Amino acid sequence: MTKKSKTVEKSKFDNCPMKLKVIACRVFKPELDVILKSTGTGDTDISVDWLPLRAHDQPDTLREEIQTLIDAASGFDAVILVYGLCGNTSAGLRAGTVPLFIPRAHDCSQILLGGRSAHAERFADNPSRGWTSRGYMAEEDDPFRLGETVMGWDMKSLIDQYGEDNARYIWESLQESESSDDPVLYFLDVPETGDPVVLEGARRKAEERGKHLEVIPATLSLLIRLLDGRGGDEILQVPPGSVIRPSWDDNVIMSEME
């Protein structure tokens, strides 16, 4: 009997020297540091621009800053954007002269959980449940944030009716009202960045809110696929000159030519 060979997804960055620009929220710094140190870069030259946590609370401002960094990356072979839709921040971003790669995700919780299915498993019962991670604990006194998705509410309609800044305020107010009676907060625990001191700090912060901290296993898998160009249906490749548009369905974001 002839044994069938297993098909292995080929990286877009294999077999050639590459120069990559990574634009990332600092919430992912613990995870990206581990990936870059453990895997090495080989012939790949990776430059990282870190942007502040919670900058997407002002999505218009953050979008302009990211677009400026994308436009300045003409000397690179590709741009890796380590963001999700993130309060509509990514909507309207245009790839420059090189391809842009971005996770098809609502927010950083979906990225840390490895994709849509794991995110739905943990957040389907309460999409606005508060959560934190090593990245948030490292930099914020109030490290818990709410999920980006609230079932039954249409963010696009809010933006169309009230404008982006006002829609963001309304969105977060709705989340607060839905999550205020929730007794549980999540800690998304990536094994490679685990630290018992950080976890204990998260437990204390949860107790201060009168909440129970539930530790949820998270993963580097989606970030690794994003950085090594292996793609998949949870990573969007935006060709040069194309624009990221929200799809408002399970795919979350897509590209559209202008």
C-alpha atoms as a PDB file:
ATOM      1  CA  MET A   1       0.000   0.000   0.000  1.00  0.00           C
ATOM      2  CA  THR A   2       1.327   3.374  -0.943  1.00  0.00           C
ATOM      3  CA  LYS A   3       1.401   5.827   1.936  1.00  0.00           C
ATOM      4  CA  LYS A   4      -0.050   9.195   1.053  1.00  0.00           C
ATOM      5  CA  SER A   5       2.130  12.130   1.921  1.00  0.00           C
ATOM      6  CA  LYS A   6       0.671  14.810   4.164  1.00  0.00           C
ATOM      7  CA  THR A   7       0.252  18.196   2.540  1.00  0.00           C
ATOM      8  CA  VAL A   8       2.048  20.892   4.508  1.00  0.00           C
ATOM      9  CA  GLU A   9       0.994  24.485   4.017  1.00  0.00           C
ATOM     10  CA  LYS A  10       3.918  26.365   2.547  1.00  0.00           C
ATOM     11  CA  SER A  11       4.959  29.668   4.003  1.00  0.00           C
ATOM     12  CA  LYS A  12       4.852  32.643   1.681  1.00  0.00           C
ATOM     13  CA  PHE A  13       8.182  33.634   3.234  1.00  0.00           C
ATOM     14  CA  ASP A  14      10.036  30.327   2.622  1.00  0.00           C
ATOM     15  CA  ASN A  15      13.216  29.966   0.592  1.00  0.00           C
ATOM     16  CA  CYS A  16      14.032  33.626   0.147  1.00  0.00           C
ATOM     17  CA  PRO A  17      15.435  36.431   2.306  1.00  0.00           C
ATOM     18  CA  MET A  18      12.630  38.675   3.526  1.00  0.00           C
ATOM     19  CA  LYS A  19      12.369  42.031   5.200  1.00  0.00           C
ATOM     20  CA  LEU A  20       9.158  42.318   7.222  1.00  0.00           C
ATOM     21  CA  LYS A  21       7.572  45.270   8.975  1.00  0.00           C
ATOM     22  CA  VAL A  22       5.457  44.250  11.977  1.00  0.00           C
ATOM     23  CA  ILE A  23       2.999  46.804  13.389  1.00  0.00           C
ATOM     24  CA  ALA A  24       1.638  45.538  16.690  1.00  0.00           C
ATOM     25  CA  CYS A  25      -0.323  46.510  19.767  1.00  0.00           C
ATOM     26  CA  ARG A  26       1.800  46.189  22.906  1.00  0.00           C
ATOM     27  CA  VAL A  27      -0.739  43.752  24.364  1.00  0.00           C
ATOM     28  CA  PHE A  28       1.032  41.115  22.241  1.00  0.00           C
ATOM     29  CA  LYS A  29       4.578  41.987  23.309  1.00  0.00           C
ATOM     30  CA  PRO A  30       5.058  38.990  25.657  1.00  0.00           C
ATOM     31  CA  GLU A  31       3.863  36.582  22.970  1.00  0.00           C
ATOM     32  CA  LEU A  32       5.742  38.128  20.051  1.00  0.00           C
ATOM     33  CA  ASP A  33       8.945  38.329  22.093  1.00  0.00           C
ATOM     34  CA  VAL A  34       8.702  34.580  22.759  1.00  0.00           C
ATOM     35  CA  ILE A  35       8.020  33.766  19.108  1.00  0.00           C
ATOM     36  CA  LEU A  36      10.884  35.865  17.768  1.00  0.00           C
ATOM     37  CA  LYS A  37      13.361  34.549  20.340  1.00  0.00           C
ATOM     38  CA  SER A  38      12.382  30.898  20.116  1.00  0.00           C
ATOM     39  CA  THR A  39      12.040  30.499  16.370  1.00  0.00           C
ATOM     40  CA  GLY A  40      14.768  32.878  15.237  1.00  0.00           C
ATOM     41  CA  THR A  41      14.393  34.839  12.038  1.00  0.00           C
ATOM     42  CA  GLY A  42      16.852  33.029   9.760  1.00  0.00           C
ATOM     43  CA  ASP A  43      17.174  35.050   6.588  1.00  0.00           C
ATOM     44  CA  THR A  44      14.173  37.169   7.595  1.00  0.00           C
ATOM     45  CA  ASP A  45      14.795  40.696   8.871  1.00  0.00           C
ATOM     46  CA  ILE A  46      11.887  41.683  11.146  1.00  0.00           C
ATOM     47  CA  SER A  47      11.336  45.241  12.370  1.00  0.00           C
ATOM     48  CA  VAL A  48       8.584  45.831  14.951  1.00  0.00           C
ATOM     49  CA  ASP A  49       6.717  49.080  15.621  1.00  0.00           C
ATOM     50  CA  TRP A  50       4.855  48.890  18.960  1.00  0.00           C
ATOM     51  CA  LEU A  51       1.700  50.953  19.507  1.00  0.00           C
ATOM     52  CA  PRO A  52       0.117  51.640  22.927  1.00  0.00           C
ATOM     53  CA  LEU A  53      -2.551  49.506  24.585  1.00  0.00           C
ATOM     54  CA  ARG A  54      -6.095  50.829  24.345  1.00  0.00           C
ATOM     55  CA  ALA A  55      -5.144  53.168  21.520  1.00  0.00           C
ATOM     56  CA  HIS A  56      -8.149  51.781  19.652  1.00  0.00           C
ATOM     57  CA  ASP A  57     -10.345  53.675  22.123  1.00  0.00           C
ATOM     58  CA  GLN A  58      -9.668  56.481  19.613  1.00  0.00           C
ATOM     59  CA  PRO A  59     -10.042  54.434  16.407  1.00  0.00           C
ATOM     60  CA  ASP A  60      -9.768  57.344  13.966  1.00  0.00           C
ATOM     61  CA  THR A  61      -6.490  58.501  15.500  1.00  0.00           C
ATOM     62  CA  LEU A  62      -5.053  54.986  15.672  1.00  0.00           C
ATOM     63  CA  ARG A  63      -6.076  54.255  12.072  1.00  0.00           C
ATOM     64  CA  GLU A  64      -4.205  57.338  10.876  1.00  0.00           C
ATOM     65  CA  GLU A  65      -1.097  56.330  12.844  1.00  0.00           C
ATOM     66  CA  ILE A  66      -1.128  52.790  11.490  1.00  0.00           C
ATOM     67  CA  GLN A  67      -1.692  54.025   7.940  1.00  0.00           C
ATOM     68  CA  THR A  68       1.322  56.308   8.258  1.00  0.00           C
ATOM     69  CA  LEU A  69       3.474  53.335   9.311  1.00  0.00           C
ATOM     70  CA  ILE A  70       2.119  51.204   6.451  1.00  0.00           C
ATOM     71  CA  ASP A  71       2.871  53.927   3.922  1.00  0.00           C
ATOM     72  CA  ALA A  72       6.410  54.245   5.260  1.00  0.00           C
ATOM     73  CA  ALA A  73       7.119  50.526   4.762  1.00  0.00           C
ATOM     74  CA  SER A  74       7.943  50.702   1.049  1.00  0.00           C
ATOM     75  CA  GLY A  75      11.395  49.214   1.655  1.00  0.00           C
ATOM     76  CA  PHE A  76       9.929  45.997   3.121  1.00  0.00           C
ATOM     77  CA  ASP A  77       8.635  42.848   1.452  1.00  0.00           C
ATOM     78  CA  ALA A  78       5.444  42.667   3.521  1.00  0.00           C
ATOM     79  CA  VAL A  79       3.642  44.346   6.410  1.00  0.00           C
ATOM     80  CA  ILE A  80       2.300  42.221   9.288  1.00  0.00           C
ATOM     81  CA  LEU A  81      -0.466  44.009  11.190  1.00  0.00           C
ATOM     82  CA  VAL A  82      -1.010  42.438  14.642  1.00  0.00           C
ATOM     83  CA  TYR A  83      -4.476  43.843  15.245  1.00  0.00           C
ATOM     84  CA  GLY A  84      -7.995  42.632  14.729  1.00  0.00           C
ATOM     85  CA  LEU A  85     -10.885  44.812  13.670  1.00  0.00           C
ATOM     86  CA  CYS A  86     -10.468  46.422  17.118  1.00  0.00           C
ATOM     87  CA  GLY A  87     -13.342  48.849  17.398  1.00  0.00           C
ATOM     88  CA  ASN A  88     -13.343  49.355  13.601  1.00  0.00           C
ATOM     89  CA  THR A  89      -9.760  50.656  13.699  1.00  0.00           C
ATOM     90  CA  SER A  90      -8.638  48.389  10.845  1.00  0.00           C
ATOM     91  CA  ALA A  91     -11.569  49.250   8.587  1.00  0.00           C
ATOM     92  CA  GLY A  92     -10.359  51.521   5.800  1.00  0.00           C
ATOM     93  CA  LEU A  93      -6.659  50.777   6.125  1.00  0.00           C
ATOM     94  CA  ARG A  94      -4.998  50.503   2.720  1.00  0.00           C
ATOM     95  CA  ALA A  95      -2.069  48.253   1.880  1.00  0.00           C
ATOM     96  CA  GLY A  96       0.845  50.243   0.504  1.00  0.00           C
ATOM     97  CA  THR A  97       3.257  49.076  -2.155  1.00  0.00           C
ATOM     98  CA  VAL A  98       3.688  45.636  -0.528  1.00  0.00           C
ATOM     99  CA  PRO A  99       1.193  42.994   0.700  1.00  0.00           C
ATOM    100  CA  LEU A 100      -0.313  43.390   4.153  1.00  0.00           C
ATOM    101  CA  PHE A 101      -1.268  40.464   6.414  1.00  0.00           C
ATOM    102  CA  ILE A 102      -3.797  40.767   9.265  1.00  0.00           C
ATOM    103  CA  PRO A 103      -5.762  38.267  11.379  1.00  0.00           C
ATOM    104  CA  ARG A 104      -9.459  37.933  10.565  1.00  0.00           C
ATOM    105  CA  ALA A 105     -10.462  38.675  14.143  1.00  0.00           C
ATOM    106  CA  HIS A 106     -12.697  40.940  16.173  1.00  0.00           C
ATOM    107  CA  ASP A 107     -10.055  41.785  18.753  1.00  0.00           C
ATOM    108  CA  CYS A 108      -6.961  40.623  20.616  1.00  0.00           C
ATOM    109  CA  SER A 109      -8.857  38.024  22.658  1.00  0.00           C
ATOM    110  CA  GLN A 110      -9.752  36.143  19.483  1.00  0.00           C
ATOM    111  CA  ILE A 111      -6.122  36.295  18.332  1.00  0.00           C
ATOM    112  CA  LEU A 112      -4.810  34.989  21.667  1.00  0.00           C
ATOM    113  CA  LEU A 113      -7.341  32.160  21.653  1.00  0.00           C
ATOM    114  CA  GLY A 114      -6.167  31.074  18.210  1.00  0.00           C
ATOM    115  CA  GLY A 115      -9.188  31.930  16.088  1.00  0.00           C
ATOM    116  CA  ARG A 116     -12.952  32.018  15.714  1.00  0.00           C
ATOM    117  CA  SER A 117     -13.941  28.586  17.023  1.00  0.00           C
ATOM    118  CA  ALA A 118     -12.053  28.834  20.328  1.00  0.00           C
ATOM    119  CA  HIS A 119     -13.271  32.406  20.799  1.00  0.00           C
ATOM    120  CA  ALA A 120     -16.895  31.391  20.191  1.00  0.00           C
ATOM    121  CA  GLU A 121     -16.554  28.506  22.653  1.00  0.00           C
ATOM    122  CA  ARG A 122     -15.438  30.838  25.440  1.00  0.00           C
ATOM    123  CA  PHE A 123     -17.412  33.998  24.705  1.00  0.00           C
ATOM    124  CA  ALA A 124     -20.626  32.859  22.988  1.00  0.00           C
ATOM    125  CA  ASP A 125     -22.570  32.802  26.257  1.00  0.00           C
ATOM    126  CA  ASN A 126     -21.405  36.313  27.167  1.00  0.00           C
ATOM    127  CA  PRO A 127     -19.555  38.178  24.383  1.00  0.00           C
ATOM    128  CA  SER A 128     -18.867  41.151  26.649  1.00  0.00           C
ATOM    129  CA  ARG A 129     -17.258  39.131  29.462  1.00  0.00           C
ATOM    130  CA  GLY A 130     -14.250  40.887  30.982  1.00  0.00           C
ATOM    131  CA  TRP A 131     -10.816  39.362  30.406  1.00  0.00           C
ATOM    132  CA  THR A 132      -7.121  40.071  30.697  1.00  0.00           C
ATOM    133  CA  SER A 133      -3.762  38.635  29.626  1.00  0.00           C
ATOM    134  CA  ARG A 134      -0.055  38.872  30.383  1.00  0.00           C
ATOM    135  CA  GLY A 135       0.246  41.896  28.087  1.00  0.00           C
ATOM    136  CA  TYR A 136      -2.499  43.847  29.837  1.00  0.00           C
ATOM    137  CA  MET A 137      -1.234  42.894  33.293  1.00  0.00           C
ATOM    138  CA  ALA A 138       2.255  44.163  32.428  1.00  0.00           C
ATOM    139  CA  GLU A 139       1.171  47.682  31.584  1.00  0.00           C
ATOM    140  CA  GLU A 140      -2.153  48.629  33.156  1.00  0.00           C
ATOM    141  CA  ASP A 141      -3.431  49.262  36.680  1.00  0.00           C
ATOM    142  CA  ASP A 142      -6.932  48.261  35.543  1.00  0.00           C
ATOM    143  CA  PRO A 143      -6.055  45.327  33.284  1.00  0.00           C
ATOM    144  CA  PHE A 144      -9.469  43.872  32.487  1.00  0.00           C
ATOM    145  CA  ARG A 145     -11.188  44.798  29.272  1.00  0.00           C
ATOM    146  CA  LEU A 146     -14.490  43.816  27.693  1.00  0.00           C
ATOM    147  CA  GLY A 147     -14.967  41.691  24.612  1.00  0.00           C
ATOM    148  CA  GLU A 148     -15.429  43.548  21.341  1.00  0.00           C
ATOM    149  CA  THR A 149     -18.563  41.698  20.281  1.00  0.00           C
ATOM    150  CA  VAL A 150     -22.024  42.103  21.746  1.00  0.00           C
ATOM    151  CA  MET A 151     -24.617  39.794  20.224  1.00  0.00           C
ATOM    152  CA  GLY A 152     -27.788  41.533  19.139  1.00  0.00           C
ATOM    153  CA  TRP A 153     -26.140  44.893  18.520  1.00  0.00           C
ATOM    154  CA  ASP A 154     -24.937  46.103  15.134  1.00  0.00           C
ATOM    155  CA  MET A 155     -21.767  48.189  15.421  1.00  0.00           C
ATOM    156  CA  LYS A 156     -21.982  49.257  11.777  1.00  0.00           C
ATOM    157  CA  SER A 157     -25.451  50.731  12.311  1.00  0.00           C
ATOM    158  CA  LEU A 158     -24.203  52.631  15.360  1.00  0.00           C
ATOM    159  CA  ILE A 159     -21.306  54.069  13.359  1.00  0.00           C
ATOM    160  CA  ASP A 160     -23.580  55.034  10.460  1.00  0.00           C
ATOM    161  CA  GLN A 161     -26.040  56.722  12.805  1.00  0.00           C
ATOM    162  CA  TYR A 162     -23.800  58.355  15.415  1.00  0.00           C
ATOM    163  CA  GLY A 163     -20.300  58.573  13.942  1.00  0.00           C
ATOM    164  CA  GLU A 164     -17.329  56.455  14.975  1.00  0.00           C
ATOM    165  CA  ASP A 165     -16.364  58.096  18.284  1.00  0.00           C
ATOM    166  CA  ASN A 166     -19.945  58.283  19.570  1.00  0.00           C
ATOM    167  CA  ALA A 167     -20.616  54.725  18.403  1.00  0.00           C
ATOM    168  CA  ARG A 168     -17.587  53.518  20.352  1.00  0.00           C
ATOM    169  CA  TYR A 169     -18.900  55.196  23.516  1.00  0.00           C
ATOM    170  CA  ILE A 170     -22.370  53.666  23.058  1.00  0.00           C
ATOM    171  CA  TRP A 171     -20.817  50.257  22.288  1.00  0.00           C
ATOM    172  CA  GLU A 172     -18.779  50.235  25.488  1.00  0.00           C
ATOM    173  CA  SER A 173     -21.752  51.444  27.548  1.00  0.00           C
ATOM    174  CA  LEU A 174     -23.789  48.521  26.214  1.00  0.00           C
ATOM    175  CA  GLN A 175     -20.996  46.132  27.110  1.00  0.00           C
ATOM    176  CA  GLU A 176     -20.709  47.518  30.627  1.00  0.00           C
ATOM    177  CA  SER A 177     -24.441  47.081  31.191  1.00  0.00           C
ATOM    178  CA  GLU A 178     -24.360  43.481  29.914  1.00  0.00           C
ATOM    179  CA  SER A 179     -21.286  42.456  31.919  1.00  0.00           C
ATOM    180  CA  SER A 180     -21.857  44.238  35.261  1.00  0.00           C
ATOM    181  CA  ASP A 181     -23.652  41.246  36.848  1.00  0.00           C
ATOM    182  CA  ASP A 182     -21.287  38.636  35.396  1.00  0.00           C
ATOM    183  CA  PRO A 183     -19.438  36.951  38.299  1.00  0.00           C
ATOM    184  CA  VAL A 184     -16.594  35.682  36.087  1.00  0.00           C
ATOM    185  CA  LEU A 185     -13.519  37.302  34.564  1.00  0.00           C
ATOM    186  CA  TYR A 186     -11.160  35.441  32.219  1.00  0.00           C
ATOM    187  CA  PHE A 187      -7.375  35.270  32.226  1.00  0.00           C
ATOM    188  CA  LEU A 188      -6.143  34.167  28.792  1.00  0.00           C
ATOM    189  CA  ASP A 189      -3.123  32.082  29.700  1.00  0.00           C
ATOM    190  CA  VAL A 190      -0.498  31.445  27.024  1.00  0.00           C
ATOM    191  CA  PRO A 191       1.777  28.685  28.448  1.00  0.00           C
ATOM    192  CA  GLU A 192       4.938  30.122  26.910  1.00  0.00           C
ATOM    193  CA  THR A 193       4.430  33.442  28.704  1.00  0.00           C
ATOM    194  CA  GLY A 194       2.993  32.052  31.931  1.00  0.00           C
ATOM    195  CA  ASP A 195       4.038  33.608  35.230  1.00  0.00           C
ATOM    196  CA  PRO A 196       2.485  32.629  38.588  1.00  0.00           C
ATOM    197  CA  VAL A 197       3.169  36.089  40.003  1.00  0.00           C
ATOM    198  CA  VAL A 198       1.245  37.724  37.152  1.00  0.00           C
ATOM    199  CA  LEU A 199      -1.602  35.228  37.529  1.00  0.00           C
ATOM    200  CA  GLU A 200      -1.839  35.893  41.258  1.00  0.00           C
ATOM    201  CA  GLY A 201      -1.973  39.612  40.532  1.00  0.00           C
ATOM    202  CA  ALA A 202      -4.867  39.021  38.146  1.00  0.00           C
ATOM    203  CA  ARG A 203      -6.697  37.029  40.833  1.00  0.00           C
ATOM    204  CA  ARG A 204      -6.306  39.924  43.286  1.00  0.00           C
ATOM    205  CA  LYS A 205      -7.588  42.401  40.705  1.00  0.00           C
ATOM    206  CA  ALA A 206     -10.603  40.178  40.022  1.00  0.00           C
ATOM    207  CA  GLU A 207     -11.338  39.832  43.743  1.00  0.00           C
ATOM    208  CA  GLU A 208     -11.222  43.618  44.106  1.00  0.00           C
ATOM    209  CA  ARG A 209     -14.113  43.688  41.636  1.00  0.00           C
ATOM    210  CA  GLY A 210     -15.956  40.932  43.502  1.00  0.00           C
ATOM    211  CA  LYS A 211     -15.356  38.517  40.613  1.00  0.00           C
ATOM    212  CA  HIS A 212     -14.036  34.993  40.184  1.00  0.00           C
ATOM    213  CA  LEU A 213     -11.016  34.624  37.861  1.00  0.00           C
ATOM    214  CA  GLU A 214     -11.226  31.715  35.439  1.00  0.00           C
ATOM    215  CA  VAL A 215      -7.972  30.754  33.710  1.00  0.00           C
ATOM    216  CA  ILE A 216      -8.521  29.993  30.011  1.00  0.00           C
ATOM    217  CA  PRO A 217      -5.840  28.285  27.888  1.00  0.00           C
ATOM    218  CA  ALA A 218      -4.614  30.532  25.084  1.00  0.00           C
ATOM    219  CA  THR A 219      -2.141  29.857  22.293  1.00  0.00           C
ATOM    220  CA  LEU A 220       0.594  31.312  20.091  1.00  0.00           C
ATOM    221  CA  SER A 221      -0.696  29.396  17.063  1.00  0.00           C
ATOM    222  CA  LEU A 222      -2.414  32.199  15.160  1.00  0.00           C
ATOM    223  CA  LEU A 223       0.422  34.644  15.836  1.00  0.00           C
ATOM    224  CA  ILE A 224       2.978  32.102  14.620  1.00  0.00           C
ATOM    225  CA  ARG A 225       1.044  31.520  11.380  1.00  0.00           C
ATOM    226  CA  LEU A 226       0.737  35.266  10.924  1.00  0.00           C
ATOM    227  CA  LEU A 227       4.454  35.921  11.339  1.00  0.00           C
ATOM    228  CA  ASP A 228       5.701  33.049   9.215  1.00  0.00           C
ATOM    229  CA  GLY A 229       3.356  33.676   6.286  1.00  0.00           C
ATOM    230  CA  ARG A 230       1.505  30.362   6.449  1.00  0.00           C
ATOM    231  CA  GLY A 231      -1.818  32.117   6.250  1.00  0.00           C
ATOM    232  CA  GLY A 232      -5.017  30.084   6.350  1.00  0.00           C
ATOM    233  CA  ASP A 233      -8.617  31.208   6.372  1.00  0.00           C
ATOM    234  CA  GLU A 234      -8.158  33.167   9.616  1.00  0.00           C
ATOM    235  CA  ILE A 235      -5.496  35.455   8.123  1.00  0.00           C
ATOM    236  CA  LEU A 236      -6.271  38.011   5.456  1.00  0.00           C
ATOM    237  CA  GLN A 237      -3.711  38.907   2.784  1.00  0.00           C
ATOM    238  CA  VAL A 238      -4.378  42.414   1.492  1.00  0.00           C
ATOM    239  CA  PRO A 239      -2.769  43.007  -1.921  1.00  0.00           C
ATOM    240  CA  PRO A 240      -0.963  46.308  -2.580  1.00  0.00           C
ATOM    241  CA  GLY A 241      -3.458  49.141  -2.975  1.00  0.00           C
ATOM    242  CA  SER A 242      -6.381  47.164  -1.536  1.00  0.00           C
ATOM    243  CA  VAL A 243      -8.460  48.340   1.422  1.00  0.00           C
ATOM    244  CA  ILE A 244      -9.570  46.443   4.528  1.00  0.00           C
ATOM    245  CA  ARG A 245     -13.341  46.427   4.895  1.00  0.00           C
ATOM    246  CA  PRO A 246     -15.437  44.946   7.724  1.00  0.00           C
ATOM    247  CA  SER A 247     -17.645  42.100   6.542  1.00  0.00           C
ATOM    248  CA  TRP A 248     -19.833  41.906   9.705  1.00  0.00           C
ATOM    249  CA  ASP A 249     -20.016  38.118   9.527  1.00  0.00           C
ATOM    250  CA  ASP A 250     -17.944  35.179  10.740  1.00  0.00           C
ATOM    251  CA  ASN A 251     -14.985  36.266   8.566  1.00  0.00           C
ATOM    252  CA  VAL A 252     -14.947  39.622  10.396  1.00  0.00           C
ATOM    253  CA  ILE A 253     -12.797  41.515   7.883  1.00  0.00           C
ATOM    254  CA  MET A 254     -12.043  41.310   4.171  1.00  0.00           C
ATOM    255  CA  SER A 255     -10.176  43.288   1.526  1.00  0.00           C
ATOM    256  CA  GLU A 256     -11.770  45.338  -1.200  1.00  0.00           C
ATOM    257  CA  MET A 257     -10.148  47.085  -4.140  1.00  0.00           C
ATOM    258  CA  GLU A 258     -10.674  50.832  -4.582  1.00  0.00           C
END
